[in-house]
Amino acid sequence: MDIGKLINKRRTELKLTLEDVGNAVGVSKSTVKKWEDGFISNMKRDKIAELAKVLKLNPVSLITGEEIIEKFPAKKISDDDIKFALFNGSEGVTDEMYDEVKQFAEMVKMREQLKKR
């Protein structure tokens, strides 16, 4: 299926407006319309990921045009899972260490949001 048609199909199935999708992805509704109409075919990776979440599709669908619907909600990741991933194991990781990493992540997130303004 054409990627633009797929975007339109999923958006209408989910009863989302162009504006709903645009706001969720961080683009204008005219950009979403251009995606649907095929006028913009080279989406940035971060937009593909966000659009896939909104449309409840596997991101690969937005590259190949093959509809792959995400049927299972994402698994909730525990603090222990995150500690293990960040510190190559959770043994010896204090709450203070973990809180510092979370604060740093929030700072980076805020910095990126400010860049978009």
Protein backbone atom coordinates (compact mmCIF):
# COMPACT_ATOMS: atom_id res chain seq x y z
CA MET A 1 0.00 0.00 0.00
CA ASP A 2 1.14 3.56 -0.68
CA ILE A 3 2.54 5.10 2.53
CA GLY A 4 0.38 8.22 2.22
CA LYS A 5 -2.75 6.11 1.80
CA LEU A 6 -1.73 4.03 4.78
CA ILE A 7 -1.33 7.16 6.93
CA ASN A 8 -4.75 8.43 5.83
CA LYS A 9 -6.39 5.03 6.34
CA ARG A 10 -5.08 4.60 9.89
CA ARG A 11 -5.81 8.22 10.82
CA THR A 12 -9.43 7.90 9.71
CA GLU A 13 -9.81 4.46 11.31
CA LEU A 14 -8.67 5.95 14.60
CA LYS A 15 -10.98 8.97 14.08
CA LEU A 16 -8.08 11.40 14.30
CA THR A 17 -8.01 14.77 12.55
CA LEU A 18 -5.02 16.10 10.64
CA GLU A 19 -4.56 18.51 13.52
CA ASP A 20 -4.68 15.70 16.12
CA VAL A 21 -1.91 13.84 14.33
CA GLY A 22 0.13 16.97 13.69
CA ASN A 23 -0.03 18.05 17.33
CA ALA A 24 0.97 14.59 18.55
CA VAL A 25 3.89 14.35 16.12
CA GLY A 26 5.00 17.96 16.40
CA VAL A 27 4.23 19.13 12.86
CA SER A 28 1.51 21.21 11.24
CA LYS A 29 -1.70 19.69 9.91
CA SER A 30 -0.60 20.75 6.42
CA THR A 31 2.53 18.61 6.81
CA VAL A 32 0.37 15.60 7.74
CA LYS A 33 -1.79 16.28 4.67
CA LYS A 34 1.35 16.46 2.50
CA TRP A 35 2.46 13.09 3.90
CA GLU A 36 -0.94 11.62 3.05
CA ASP A 37 -0.88 13.12 -0.45
CA GLY A 38 2.66 11.92 -1.11
CA PHE A 39 4.19 15.39 -1.45
CA ILE A 40 6.64 14.69 1.40
CA SER A 41 8.13 11.23 1.29
CA ASN A 42 11.34 11.66 3.26
CA MET A 43 10.17 11.88 6.86
CA LYS A 44 12.73 12.31 9.60
CA ARG A 45 13.29 9.28 11.83
CA ASP A 46 11.92 10.98 14.94
CA LYS A 47 8.73 11.88 13.05
CA ILE A 48 8.36 8.32 11.77
CA ALA A 49 8.61 7.02 15.33
CA GLU A 50 6.07 9.52 16.69
CA LEU A 51 3.68 9.02 13.78
CA ALA A 52 3.86 5.25 14.25
CA LYS A 53 2.89 5.65 17.93
CA VAL A 54 -0.05 7.90 17.10
CA LEU A 55 -1.30 5.61 14.33
CA LYS A 56 -0.58 2.48 16.39
CA LEU A 57 1.58 1.07 13.62
CA ASN A 58 4.96 -0.54 13.57
CA PRO A 59 7.42 2.13 12.32
CA VAL A 60 8.47 -0.25 9.54
CA SER A 61 5.00 0.27 8.05
CA LEU A 62 5.79 3.91 7.43
CA ILE A 63 8.89 2.95 5.49
CA THR A 64 7.60 -0.01 3.51
CA GLY A 65 3.90 0.80 3.20
CA GLU A 66 3.09 -2.67 4.56
CA GLU A 67 0.50 -2.32 7.30
CA ILE A 68 1.79 -3.80 10.54
CA ILE A 69 -0.54 -2.88 13.38
CA GLU A 70 0.84 -2.83 16.91
CA LYS A 71 -1.63 -5.08 18.71
CA PHE A 72 0.12 -5.31 22.02
CA PRO A 73 0.71 -2.33 24.27
CA ALA A 74 4.32 -1.62 25.15
CA LYS A 75 5.56 -3.44 28.23
CA LYS A 76 5.90 -1.22 31.28
CA ILE A 77 9.60 -1.04 32.04
CA SER A 78 10.50 -1.23 35.71
CA ASP A 79 13.10 0.88 37.48
CA ASP A 80 15.19 -2.28 37.91
CA ASP A 81 15.10 -2.87 34.13
CA ILE A 82 16.29 0.69 33.54
CA LYS A 83 19.01 0.43 36.19
CA PHE A 84 20.22 -2.81 34.63
CA ALA A 85 20.39 -1.21 31.18
CA LEU A 86 22.07 1.99 32.37
CA PHE A 87 24.56 0.51 34.78
CA ASN A 88 25.15 -2.94 33.27
CA GLY A 89 23.36 -4.48 36.20
CA SER A 90 21.44 -3.06 39.12
CA GLU A 91 23.66 -4.34 41.91
CA GLY A 92 25.26 -1.50 43.84
CA VAL A 93 23.13 1.18 42.16
CA THR A 94 21.77 3.50 44.80
CA ASP A 95 18.53 5.42 44.57
CA GLU A 96 20.61 8.60 44.55
CA MET A 97 22.57 7.42 41.50
CA TYR A 98 19.38 6.52 39.71
CA ASP A 99 17.72 9.85 40.63
CA GLU A 100 20.73 11.72 39.27
CA VAL A 101 20.42 9.92 35.93
CA LYS A 102 16.68 10.70 35.80
CA GLN A 103 17.38 14.37 36.53
CA PHE A 104 19.97 14.47 33.77
CA ALA A 105 17.51 12.88 31.34
CA GLU A 106 14.88 15.48 32.24
CA MET A 107 17.41 18.25 31.66
CA VAL A 108 18.28 16.87 28.22
CA LYS A 109 14.59 16.56 27.37
CA MET A 110 13.94 20.18 28.40
CA ARG A 111 16.95 21.36 26.40
CA GLU A 112 15.63 19.62 23.28
CA GLN A 113 12.17 21.12 23.77
CA LEU A 114 13.72 24.58 24.02
CA LYS A 115 15.63 24.00 20.78
CA LYS A 116 12.32 23.38 18.98
CA ARG A 117 11.02 26.84 19.92
